Amino acid sequence: MVLIVKKEIENLPPKCKQIFLLSKEEGLTNIEIAEYLNVSIKSVEAHITKAFGILRSAIGNKIDGILFLLFGKKRNCKFVLNIFFLVKS
């Protein structure tokens, strides 16, 4: 089942996949993702909602438990943004 979820995540549209992974894998907040990608918070929310919709359609309602197994507890990765802004300057 985990392999199926990973495959479905890989098949997400590119921007949707990027935002979903920044949220779930890197543990960034929607605000942090919006700042990092220079998009609106609403855009981030829409992409995450779209990703969950696609994954639920493919896998079913057990997706939340499966994602927890894949990514575990959210990690605090604010340092990623700090490094990004230091390099960007």
PDB file of N, CA and C in Angstrom:
ATOM      1  N   MET A   1       0.822  -1.195   0.000  1.00  0.00           N
ATOM      2  CA  MET A   1       0.000   0.000   0.000  1.00  0.00           C
ATOM      3  C   MET A   1       0.870   1.265   0.000  1.00  0.00           C
ATOM      4  N   VAL A   2       1.942   1.244   0.758  1.00  0.00           N
ATOM      5  CA  VAL A   2       2.844   2.396   0.810  1.00  0.00           C
ATOM      6  C   VAL A   2       3.450   2.661  -0.564  1.00  0.00           C
ATOM      7  N   LEU A   3       3.801   1.615  -1.278  1.00  0.00           N
ATOM      8  CA  LEU A   3       4.368   1.782  -2.622  1.00  0.00           C
ATOM      9  C   LEU A   3       3.350   2.410  -3.575  1.00  0.00           C
ATOM     10  N   ILE A   4       2.101   2.052  -3.405  1.00  0.00           N
ATOM     11  CA  ILE A   4       1.045   2.631  -4.245  1.00  0.00           C
ATOM     12  C   ILE A   4       0.930   4.125  -3.967  1.00  0.00           C
ATOM     13  N   VAL A   5       0.977   4.512  -2.690  1.00  0.00           N
ATOM     14  CA  VAL A   5       0.887   5.932  -2.327  1.00  0.00           C
ATOM     15  C   VAL A   5       2.073   6.695  -2.889  1.00  0.00           C
ATOM     16  N   LYS A   6       3.269   6.137  -2.739  1.00  0.00           N
ATOM     17  CA  LYS A   6       4.456   6.805  -3.279  1.00  0.00           C
ATOM     18  C   LYS A   6       4.338   6.997  -4.790  1.00  0.00           C
ATOM     19  N   LYS A   7       3.825   5.981  -5.474  1.00  0.00           N
ATOM     20  CA  LYS A   7       3.636   6.076  -6.923  1.00  0.00           C
ATOM     21  C   LYS A   7       2.632   7.164  -7.264  1.00  0.00           C
ATOM     22  N   GLU A   8       1.544   7.217  -6.521  1.00  0.00           N
ATOM     23  CA  GLU A   8       0.522   8.236  -6.768  1.00  0.00           C
ATOM     24  C   GLU A   8       1.052   9.637  -6.481  1.00  0.00           C
ATOM     25  N   ILE A   9       1.877   9.786  -5.460  1.00  0.00           N
ATOM     26  CA  ILE A   9       2.489  11.087  -5.170  1.00  0.00           C
ATOM     27  C   ILE A   9       3.398  11.493  -6.329  1.00  0.00           C
ATOM     28  N   GLU A  10       4.161  10.548  -6.855  1.00  0.00           N
ATOM     29  CA  GLU A  10       5.037  10.836  -7.995  1.00  0.00           C
ATOM     30  C   GLU A  10       4.246  11.253  -9.231  1.00  0.00           C
ATOM     31  N   ASN A  11       3.006  10.780  -9.345  1.00  0.00           N
ATOM     32  CA  ASN A  11       2.174  11.082 -10.505  1.00  0.00           C
ATOM     33  C   ASN A  11       1.375  12.380 -10.371  1.00  0.00           C
ATOM     34  N   LEU A  12       1.477  13.040  -9.216  1.00  0.00           N
ATOM     35  CA  LEU A  12       0.769  14.316  -9.047  1.00  0.00           C
ATOM     36  C   LEU A  12       1.306  15.337 -10.052  1.00  0.00           C
ATOM     37  N   PRO A  13       0.484  16.324 -10.438  1.00  0.00           N
ATOM     38  CA  PRO A  13       0.997  17.401 -11.288  1.00  0.00           C
ATOM     39  C   PRO A  13       2.211  18.055 -10.611  1.00  0.00           C
ATOM     40  N   PRO A  14       3.186  18.534 -11.369  1.00  0.00           N
ATOM     41  CA  PRO A  14       4.456  19.003 -10.803  1.00  0.00           C
ATOM     42  C   PRO A  14       4.335  20.010  -9.649  1.00  0.00           C
ATOM     43  N   LYS A  15       3.585  21.084  -9.831  1.00  0.00           N
ATOM     44  CA  LYS A  15       3.476  22.102  -8.783  1.00  0.00           C
ATOM     45  C   LYS A  15       2.737  21.541  -7.573  1.00  0.00           C
ATOM     46  N   CYS A  16       1.724  20.755  -7.830  1.00  0.00           N
ATOM     47  CA  CYS A  16       0.946  20.110  -6.776  1.00  0.00           C
ATOM     48  C   CYS A  16       1.850  19.180  -5.956  1.00  0.00           C
ATOM     49  N   LYS A  17       2.644  18.405  -6.631  1.00  0.00           N
ATOM     50  CA  LYS A  17       3.580  17.483  -5.983  1.00  0.00           C
ATOM     51  C   LYS A  17       4.605  18.248  -5.151  1.00  0.00           C
ATOM     52  N   GLN A  18       5.159  19.309  -5.725  1.00  0.00           N
ATOM     53  CA  GLN A  18       6.172  20.097  -5.015  1.00  0.00           C
ATOM     54  C   GLN A  18       5.604  20.662  -3.714  1.00  0.00           C
ATOM     55  N   ILE A  19       4.438  21.264  -3.792  1.00  0.00           N
ATOM     56  CA  ILE A  19       3.823  21.878  -2.613  1.00  0.00           C
ATOM     57  C   ILE A  19       3.428  20.805  -1.599  1.00  0.00           C
ATOM     58  N   PHE A  20       2.864  19.706  -2.065  1.00  0.00           N
ATOM     59  CA  PHE A  20       2.474  18.622  -1.173  1.00  0.00           C
ATOM     60  C   PHE A  20       3.681  18.088  -0.411  1.00  0.00           C
ATOM     61  N   LEU A  21       4.790  17.871  -1.095  1.00  0.00           N
ATOM     62  CA  LEU A  21       5.987  17.336  -0.439  1.00  0.00           C
ATOM     63  C   LEU A  21       6.631  18.351   0.500  1.00  0.00           C
ATOM     64  N   LEU A  22       6.610  19.627   0.147  1.00  0.00           N
ATOM     65  CA  LEU A  22       7.124  20.645   1.068  1.00  0.00           C
ATOM     66  C   LEU A  22       6.317  20.643   2.360  1.00  0.00           C
ATOM     67  N   SER A  23       5.026  20.419   2.233  1.00  0.00           N
ATOM     68  CA  SER A  23       4.160  20.382   3.408  1.00  0.00           C
ATOM     69  C   SER A  23       4.345  19.099   4.215  1.00  0.00           C
ATOM     70  N   LYS A  24       4.230  17.971   3.560  1.00  0.00           N
ATOM     71  CA  LYS A  24       4.216  16.689   4.276  1.00  0.00           C
ATOM     72  C   LYS A  24       5.598  16.122   4.571  1.00  0.00           C
ATOM     73  N   GLU A  25       6.515  16.271   3.643  1.00  0.00           N
ATOM     74  CA  GLU A  25       7.850  15.694   3.823  1.00  0.00           C
ATOM     75  C   GLU A  25       8.767  16.639   4.596  1.00  0.00           C
ATOM     76  N   GLU A  26       8.727  17.920   4.235  1.00  0.00           N
ATOM     77  CA  GLU A  26       9.613  18.895   4.872  1.00  0.00           C
ATOM     78  C   GLU A  26       8.994  19.549   6.101  1.00  0.00           C
ATOM     79  N   GLY A  27       7.672  19.450   6.239  1.00  0.00           N
ATOM     80  CA  GLY A  27       7.009  19.997   7.417  1.00  0.00           C
ATOM     81  C   GLY A  27       6.817  21.506   7.400  1.00  0.00           C
ATOM     82  N   LEU A  28       6.905  22.115   6.217  1.00  0.00           N
ATOM     83  CA  LEU A  28       6.719  23.562   6.142  1.00  0.00           C
ATOM     84  C   LEU A  28       5.238  23.919   6.262  1.00  0.00           C
ATOM     85  N   THR A  29       4.954  25.092   6.815  1.00  0.00           N
ATOM     86  CA  THR A  29       3.577  25.570   6.900  1.00  0.00           C
ATOM     87  C   THR A  29       3.161  26.134   5.544  1.00  0.00           C
ATOM     88  N   ASN A  30       1.867  26.349   5.383  1.00  0.00           N
ATOM     89  CA  ASN A  30       1.377  26.935   4.135  1.00  0.00           C
ATOM     90  C   ASN A  30       1.972  28.312   3.897  1.00  0.00           C
ATOM     91  N   ILE A  31       2.117  29.091   4.948  1.00  0.00           N
ATOM     92  CA  ILE A  31       2.710  30.433   4.823  1.00  0.00           C
ATOM     93  C   ILE A  31       4.162  30.322   4.374  1.00  0.00           C
ATOM     94  N   GLU A  32       4.912  29.408   4.970  1.00  0.00           N
ATOM     95  CA  GLU A  32       6.321  29.226   4.604  1.00  0.00           C
ATOM     96  C   GLU A  32       6.458  28.778   3.150  1.00  0.00           C
ATOM     97  N   ILE A  33       5.583  27.878   2.731  1.00  0.00           N
ATOM     98  CA  ILE A  33       5.617  27.407   1.343  1.00  0.00           C
ATOM     99  C   ILE A  33       5.299  28.553   0.396  1.00  0.00           C
ATOM    100  N   ALA A  34       4.276  29.342   0.727  1.00  0.00           N
ATOM    101  CA  ALA A  34       3.892  30.475  -0.112  1.00  0.00           C
ATOM    102  C   ALA A  34       5.051  31.463  -0.265  1.00  0.00           C
ATOM    103  N   GLU A  35       5.726  31.759   0.827  1.00  0.00           N
ATOM    104  CA  GLU A  35       6.872  32.677   0.775  1.00  0.00           C
ATOM    105  C   GLU A  35       8.021  32.065  -0.028  1.00  0.00           C
ATOM    106  N   TYR A  36       8.294  30.807   0.203  1.00  0.00           N
ATOM    107  CA  TYR A  36       9.387  30.107  -0.470  1.00  0.00           C
ATOM    108  C   TYR A  36       9.187  30.068  -1.987  1.00  0.00           C
ATOM    109  N   LEU A  37       7.946  29.800  -2.421  1.00  0.00           N
ATOM    110  CA  LEU A  37       7.654  29.664  -3.854  1.00  0.00           C
ATOM    111  C   LEU A  37       7.126  30.947  -4.478  1.00  0.00           C
ATOM    112  N   ASN A  38       6.950  31.969  -3.654  1.00  0.00           N
ATOM    113  CA  ASN A  38       6.431  33.254  -4.118  1.00  0.00           C
ATOM    114  C   ASN A  38       5.062  33.102  -4.790  1.00  0.00           C
ATOM    115  N   VAL A  39       4.172  32.395  -4.083  1.00  0.00           N
ATOM    116  CA  VAL A  39       2.781  32.220  -4.523  1.00  0.00           C
ATOM    117  C   VAL A  39       1.881  32.591  -3.349  1.00  0.00           C
ATOM    118  N   SER A  40       0.598  32.699  -3.608  1.00  0.00           N
ATOM    119  CA  SER A  40      -0.335  33.044  -2.535  1.00  0.00           C
ATOM    120  C   SER A  40      -0.587  31.840  -1.629  1.00  0.00           C
ATOM    121  N   ILE A  41      -1.014  32.136  -0.413  1.00  0.00           N
ATOM    122  CA  ILE A  41      -1.364  31.071   0.526  1.00  0.00           C
ATOM    123  C   ILE A  41      -2.544  30.279  -0.022  1.00  0.00           C
ATOM    124  N   LYS A  42      -3.484  30.970  -0.654  1.00  0.00           N
ATOM    125  CA  LYS A  42      -4.647  30.293  -1.254  1.00  0.00           C
ATOM    126  C   LYS A  42      -4.207  29.294  -2.327  1.00  0.00           C
ATOM    127  N   SER A  43      -3.184  29.645  -3.080  1.00  0.00           N
ATOM    128  CA  SER A  43      -2.656  28.737  -4.098  1.00  0.00           C
ATOM    129  C   SER A  43      -2.070  27.488  -3.441  1.00  0.00           C
ATOM    130  N   VAL A  44      -1.341  27.678  -2.367  1.00  0.00           N
ATOM    131  CA  VAL A  44      -0.769  26.547  -1.632  1.00  0.00           C
ATOM    132  C   VAL A  44      -1.891  25.653  -1.115  1.00  0.00           C
ATOM    133  N   GLU A  45      -2.895  26.271  -0.496  1.00  0.00           N
ATOM    134  CA  GLU A  45      -4.025  25.506   0.031  1.00  0.00           C
ATOM    135  C   GLU A  45      -4.730  24.721  -1.077  1.00  0.00           C
ATOM    136  N   ALA A  46      -4.910  25.368  -2.223  1.00  0.00           N
ATOM    137  CA  ALA A  46      -5.585  24.709  -3.346  1.00  0.00           C
ATOM    138  C   ALA A  46      -4.790  23.499  -3.843  1.00  0.00           C
ATOM    139  N   HIS A  47      -3.474  23.640  -3.936  1.00  0.00           N
ATOM    140  CA  HIS A  47      -2.639  22.529  -4.407  1.00  0.00           C
ATOM    141  C   HIS A  47      -2.652  21.363  -3.417  1.00  0.00           C
ATOM    142  N   ILE A  48      -2.618  21.662  -2.127  1.00  0.00           N
ATOM    143  CA  ILE A  48      -2.654  20.599  -1.120  1.00  0.00           C
ATOM    144  C   ILE A  48      -4.015  19.893  -1.155  1.00  0.00           C
ATOM    145  N   THR A  49      -5.080  20.677  -1.271  1.00  0.00           N
ATOM    146  CA  THR A  49      -6.423  20.101  -1.367  1.00  0.00           C
ATOM    147  C   THR A  49      -6.541  19.225  -2.611  1.00  0.00           C
ATOM    148  N   LYS A  50      -6.011  19.714  -3.725  1.00  0.00           N
ATOM    149  CA  LYS A  50      -6.029  18.941  -4.970  1.00  0.00           C
ATOM    150  C   LYS A  50      -5.258  17.633  -4.805  1.00  0.00           C
ATOM    151  N   ALA A  51      -4.086  17.703  -4.174  1.00  0.00           N
ATOM    152  CA  ALA A  51      -3.266  16.505  -3.961  1.00  0.00           C
ATOM    153  C   ALA A  51      -4.025  15.475  -3.127  1.00  0.00           C
ATOM    154  N   PHE A  52      -4.639  15.931  -2.026  1.00  0.00           N
ATOM    155  CA  PHE A  52      -5.401  15.003  -1.196  1.00  0.00           C
ATOM    156  C   PHE A  52      -6.559  14.402  -1.972  1.00  0.00           C
ATOM    157  N   GLY A  53      -7.216  15.206  -2.791  1.00  0.00           N
ATOM    158  CA  GLY A  53      -8.323  14.699  -3.601  1.00  0.00           C
ATOM    159  C   GLY A  53      -7.874  13.608  -4.561  1.00  0.00           C
ATOM    160  N   ILE A  54      -6.764  13.851  -5.232  1.00  0.00           N
ATOM    161  CA  ILE A  54      -6.220  12.867  -6.168  1.00  0.00           C
ATOM    162  C   ILE A  54      -5.822  11.592  -5.430  1.00  0.00           C
ATOM    163  N   LEU A  55      -5.148  11.748  -4.299  1.00  0.00           N
ATOM    164  CA  LEU A  55      -4.706  10.579  -3.535  1.00  0.00           C
ATOM    165  C   LEU A  55      -5.888   9.801  -2.961  1.00  0.00           C
ATOM    166  N   ARG A  56      -6.906  10.517  -2.476  1.00  0.00           N
ATOM    167  CA  ARG A  56      -8.099   9.837  -1.950  1.00  0.00           C
ATOM    168  C   ARG A  56      -8.810   9.055  -3.053  1.00  0.00           C
ATOM    169  N   SER A  57      -8.864   9.639  -4.238  1.00  0.00           N
ATOM    170  CA  SER A  57      -9.515   8.947  -5.365  1.00  0.00           C
ATOM    171  C   SER A  57      -8.778   7.656  -5.703  1.00  0.00           C
ATOM    172  N   ALA A  58      -7.454   7.707  -5.629  1.00  0.00           N
ATOM    173  CA  ALA A  58      -6.641   6.545  -5.999  1.00  0.00           C
ATOM    174  C   ALA A  58      -6.558   5.509  -4.882  1.00  0.00           C
ATOM    175  N   ILE A  59      -6.542   5.965  -3.633  1.00  0.00           N
ATOM    176  CA  ILE A  59      -6.248   5.065  -2.522  1.00  0.00           C
ATOM    177  C   ILE A  59      -7.440   4.861  -1.592  1.00  0.00           C
ATOM    178  N   GLY A  60      -8.268   5.851  -1.448  1.00  0.00           N
ATOM    179  CA  GLY A  60      -9.410   5.768  -0.536  1.00  0.00           C
ATOM    180  C   GLY A  60      -9.186   6.612   0.700  1.00  0.00           C
ATOM    181  N   ASN A  61     -10.083   6.502   1.646  1.00  0.00           N
ATOM    182  CA  ASN A  61     -10.065   7.348   2.841  1.00  0.00           C
ATOM    183  C   ASN A  61      -8.991   6.980   3.861  1.00  0.00           C
ATOM    184  N   LYS A  62      -8.233   5.952   3.628  1.00  0.00           N
ATOM    185  CA  LYS A  62      -7.169   5.560   4.554  1.00  0.00           C
ATOM    186  C   LYS A  62      -5.897   6.375   4.331  1.00  0.00           C
ATOM    187  N   ILE A  63      -5.962   7.360   3.449  1.00  0.00           N
ATOM    188  CA  ILE A  63      -4.774   8.115   3.049  1.00  0.00           C
ATOM    189  C   ILE A  63      -4.084   8.807   4.220  1.00  0.00           C
ATOM    190  N   ASP A  64      -4.835   9.357   5.179  1.00  0.00           N
ATOM    191  CA  ASP A  64      -4.217  10.074   6.297  1.00  0.00           C
ATOM    192  C   ASP A  64      -3.302   9.159   7.111  1.00  0.00           C
ATOM    193  N   GLY A  65      -3.776   7.950   7.416  1.00  0.00           N
ATOM    194  CA  GLY A  65      -2.954   6.995   8.157  1.00  0.00           C
ATOM    195  C   GLY A  65      -1.730   6.559   7.375  1.00  0.00           C
ATOM    196  N   ILE A  66      -1.912   6.384   6.090  1.00  0.00           N
ATOM    197  CA  ILE A  66      -0.794   5.971   5.235  1.00  0.00           C
ATOM    198  C   ILE A  66       0.249   7.080   5.156  1.00  0.00           C
ATOM    199  N   LEU A  67      -0.206   8.333   5.018  1.00  0.00           N
ATOM    200  CA  LEU A  67       0.736   9.453   4.962  1.00  0.00           C
ATOM    201  C   LEU A  67       1.498   9.579   6.272  1.00  0.00           C
ATOM    202  N   PHE A  68       0.830   9.321   7.384  1.00  0.00           N
ATOM    203  CA  PHE A  68       1.529   9.355   8.668  1.00  0.00           C
ATOM    204  C   PHE A  68       2.637   8.312   8.694  1.00  0.00           C
ATOM    205  N   LEU A  69       2.351   7.126   8.177  1.00  0.00           N
ATOM    206  CA  LEU A  69       3.378   6.079   8.124  1.00  0.00           C
ATOM    207  C   LEU A  69       4.538   6.477   7.220  1.00  0.00           C
ATOM    208  N   LEU A  70       4.223   7.163   6.116  1.00  0.00           N
ATOM    209  CA  LEU A  70       5.265   7.576   5.177  1.00  0.00           C
ATOM    210  C   LEU A  70       6.125   8.720   5.712  1.00  0.00           C
ATOM    211  N   PHE A  71       5.458   9.734   6.246  1.00  0.00           N
ATOM    212  CA  PHE A  71       6.174  10.960   6.597  1.00  0.00           C
ATOM    213  C   PHE A  71       6.308  11.193   8.091  1.00  0.00           C
ATOM    214  N   GLY A  72       5.554  10.477   8.910  1.00  0.00           N
ATOM    215  CA  GLY A  72       5.634  10.642  10.349  1.00  0.00           C
ATOM    216  C   GLY A  72       5.172  12.011  10.792  1.00  0.00           C
ATOM    217  N   LYS A  73       5.626  12.387  11.957  1.00  0.00           N
ATOM    218  CA  LYS A  73       5.258  13.676  12.529  1.00  0.00           C
ATOM    219  C   LYS A  73       5.894  14.790  11.719  1.00  0.00           C
ATOM    220  N   LYS A  74       5.164  15.908  11.597  1.00  0.00           N
ATOM    221  CA  LYS A  74       5.713  17.060  10.881  1.00  0.00           C
ATOM    222  C   LYS A  74       7.025  17.489  11.506  1.00  0.00           C
ATOM    223  N   ARG A  75       7.980  17.780  10.646  1.00  0.00           N
ATOM    224  CA  ARG A  75       9.264  18.277  11.105  1.00  0.00           C
ATOM    225  C   ARG A  75       9.308  19.782  10.922  1.00  0.00           C
ATOM    226  N   ASN A  76      10.016  20.455  11.784  1.00  0.00           N
ATOM    227  CA  ASN A  76      10.157  21.893  11.674  1.00  0.00           C
ATOM    228  C   ASN A  76      11.365  22.194  10.810  1.00  0.00           C
ATOM    229  N   CYS A  77      11.136  22.702   9.620  1.00  0.00           N
ATOM    230  CA  CYS A  77      12.223  22.935   8.674  1.00  0.00           C
ATOM    231  C   CYS A  77      12.323  24.410   8.293  1.00  0.00           C
ATOM    232  N   LYS A  78      12.139  25.299   9.267  1.00  0.00           N
ATOM    233  CA  LYS A  78      12.250  26.727   8.970  1.00  0.00           C
ATOM    234  C   LYS A  78      13.650  27.071   8.488  1.00  0.00           C
ATOM    235  N   PHE A  79      14.645  26.279   8.905  1.00  0.00           N
ATOM    236  CA  PHE A  79      16.007  26.542   8.474  1.00  0.00           C
ATOM    237  C   PHE A  79      16.148  26.464   6.957  1.00  0.00           C
ATOM    238  N   VAL A  80      15.328  25.671   6.303  1.00  0.00           N
ATOM    239  CA  VAL A  80      15.369  25.563   4.842  1.00  0.00           C
ATOM    240  C   VAL A  80      15.076  26.928   4.226  1.00  0.00           C
ATOM    241  N   LEU A  81      14.054  27.592   4.758  1.00  0.00           N
ATOM    242  CA  LEU A  81      13.714  28.922   4.247  1.00  0.00           C
ATOM    243  C   LEU A  81      14.807  29.930   4.564  1.00  0.00           C
ATOM    244  N   ASN A  82      15.371  29.843   5.756  1.00  0.00           N
ATOM    245  CA  ASN A  82      16.440  30.779   6.130  1.00  0.00           C
ATOM    246  C   ASN A  82      17.618  30.638   5.177  1.00  0.00           C
ATOM    247  N   ILE A  83      17.992  29.413   4.865  1.00  0.00           N
ATOM    248  CA  ILE A  83      19.104  29.178   3.938  1.00  0.00           C
ATOM    249  C   ILE A  83      18.735  29.694   2.566  1.00  0.00           C
ATOM    250  N   PHE A  84      17.490  29.439   2.127  1.00  0.00           N
ATOM    251  CA  PHE A  84      17.041  29.905   0.820  1.00  0.00           C
ATOM    252  C   PHE A  84      17.167  31.416   0.720  1.00  0.00           C
ATOM    253  N   PHE A  85      16.694  32.128   1.738  1.00  0.00           N
ATOM    254  CA  PHE A  85      16.723  33.582   1.669  1.00  0.00           C
ATOM    255  C   PHE A  85      18.147  34.120   1.788  1.00  0.00           C
ATOM    256  N   LEU A  86      19.030  33.430   2.512  1.00  0.00           N
ATOM    257  CA  LEU A  86      20.424  33.858   2.583  1.00  0.00           C
ATOM    258  C   LEU A  86      21.116  33.697   1.240  1.00  0.00           C
ATOM    259  N   VAL A  87      20.867  32.583   0.570  1.00  0.00           N
ATOM    260  CA  VAL A  87      21.480  32.320  -0.734  1.00  0.00           C
ATOM    261  C   VAL A  87      20.907  33.271  -1.779  1.00  0.00           C
ATOM    262  N   LYS A  88      19.609  33.536  -1.677  1.00  0.00           N
ATOM    263  CA  LYS A  88      18.925  34.381  -2.655  1.00  0.00           C
ATOM    264  C   LYS A  88      19.403  35.830  -2.576  1.00  0.00           C
ATOM    265  N   SER A  89      19.821  36.280  -1.391  1.00  0.00           N
ATOM    266  CA  SER A  89      20.221  37.682  -1.186  1.00  0.00           C
ATOM    267  C   SER A  89      21.500  38.026  -1.899  1.00  0.00           C
TER     268      SER A  89
END
